[in-house]
Amino acid sequence: MNKIKSYFNQVAIEMKKVSWLSKEELMGSTMVVGLFAIILALFLFVIDYAISDLVFRLFNLNG
């Protein structure tokens, strides 16, 4: 039981050393990640659509 208590005490000490982002930095980073995710999703959609269309044309499928 002492090992568990010691572990959580050490976690608390380490958490005090963490430099947390400000609200503005957090919001900015979140916006960048969200925008990147949207751009990546659109890119993958376009690539998937193009490859599907190419396969349908190559095999003359009328899906």
Protein backbone atom coordinates (compact mmCIF):
# COMPACT_ATOMS: atom_id res chain seq x y z
CA MET A 1 0.00 0.00 0.00
CA ASN A 2 2.92 2.33 0.70
CA LYS A 3 4.18 1.87 -2.86
CA ILE A 4 0.85 3.03 -4.27
CA LYS A 5 0.78 6.06 -1.97
CA SER A 6 4.36 6.89 -2.88
CA TYR A 7 3.56 6.56 -6.58
CA PHE A 8 0.68 9.05 -6.37
CA ASN A 9 2.79 11.45 -4.30
CA GLN A 10 5.47 11.36 -6.99
CA VAL A 11 2.84 11.92 -9.68
CA ALA A 12 1.57 14.99 -7.81
CA ILE A 13 5.12 16.36 -7.52
CA GLU A 14 5.77 15.85 -11.23
CA MET A 15 2.44 17.42 -12.20
CA LYS A 16 3.49 20.61 -10.38
CA LYS A 17 6.56 20.79 -12.64
CA VAL A 18 4.52 20.71 -15.85
CA SER A 19 4.28 23.99 -17.74
CA TRP A 20 0.67 24.18 -18.89
CA LEU A 21 -0.45 26.10 -21.96
CA SER A 22 -2.42 29.29 -21.55
CA LYS A 23 -6.02 29.35 -22.72
CA GLU A 24 -5.04 31.33 -25.83
CA GLU A 25 -2.24 28.89 -26.73
CA LEU A 26 -4.55 25.94 -26.18
CA MET A 27 -7.29 27.42 -28.38
CA GLY A 28 -4.76 28.27 -31.10
CA SER A 29 -3.29 24.78 -31.08
CA THR A 30 -6.77 23.25 -31.14
CA MET A 31 -7.71 25.36 -34.17
CA VAL A 32 -4.54 24.32 -36.01
CA VAL A 33 -5.19 20.63 -35.33
CA GLY A 34 -8.84 20.94 -36.33
CA LEU A 35 -8.00 22.77 -39.56
CA PHE A 36 -5.31 20.22 -40.39
CA ALA A 37 -7.77 17.37 -39.79
CA ILE A 38 -10.32 18.96 -42.13
CA ILE A 39 -7.71 19.56 -44.85
CA LEU A 40 -6.42 15.99 -44.52
CA ALA A 41 -9.95 14.57 -44.67
CA LEU A 42 -10.71 16.56 -47.84
CA PHE A 43 -7.43 15.48 -49.41
CA LEU A 44 -8.09 11.82 -48.66
CA PHE A 45 -11.65 12.14 -49.99
CA VAL A 46 -10.39 13.57 -53.28
CA ILE A 47 -7.70 10.90 -53.62
CA ASP A 48 -10.16 8.11 -52.78
CA TYR A 49 -12.70 9.45 -55.27
CA ALA A 50 -10.06 9.76 -58.01
CA ILE A 51 -8.75 6.23 -57.47
CA SER A 52 -12.30 4.81 -57.39
CA ASP A 53 -13.16 6.60 -60.61
CA LEU A 54 -9.96 5.33 -62.23
CA VAL A 55 -10.73 1.73 -61.23
CA PHE A 56 -14.30 2.00 -62.52
CA ARG A 57 -13.05 3.38 -65.83
CA LEU A 58 -10.30 0.77 -66.17
CA PHE A 59 -12.66 -2.13 -65.61
CA ASN A 60 -15.59 -0.43 -67.34
CA LEU A 61 -17.87 -0.88 -64.34
CA ASN A 62 -21.15 0.99 -64.26
CA GLY A 63 -21.65 1.04 -60.51
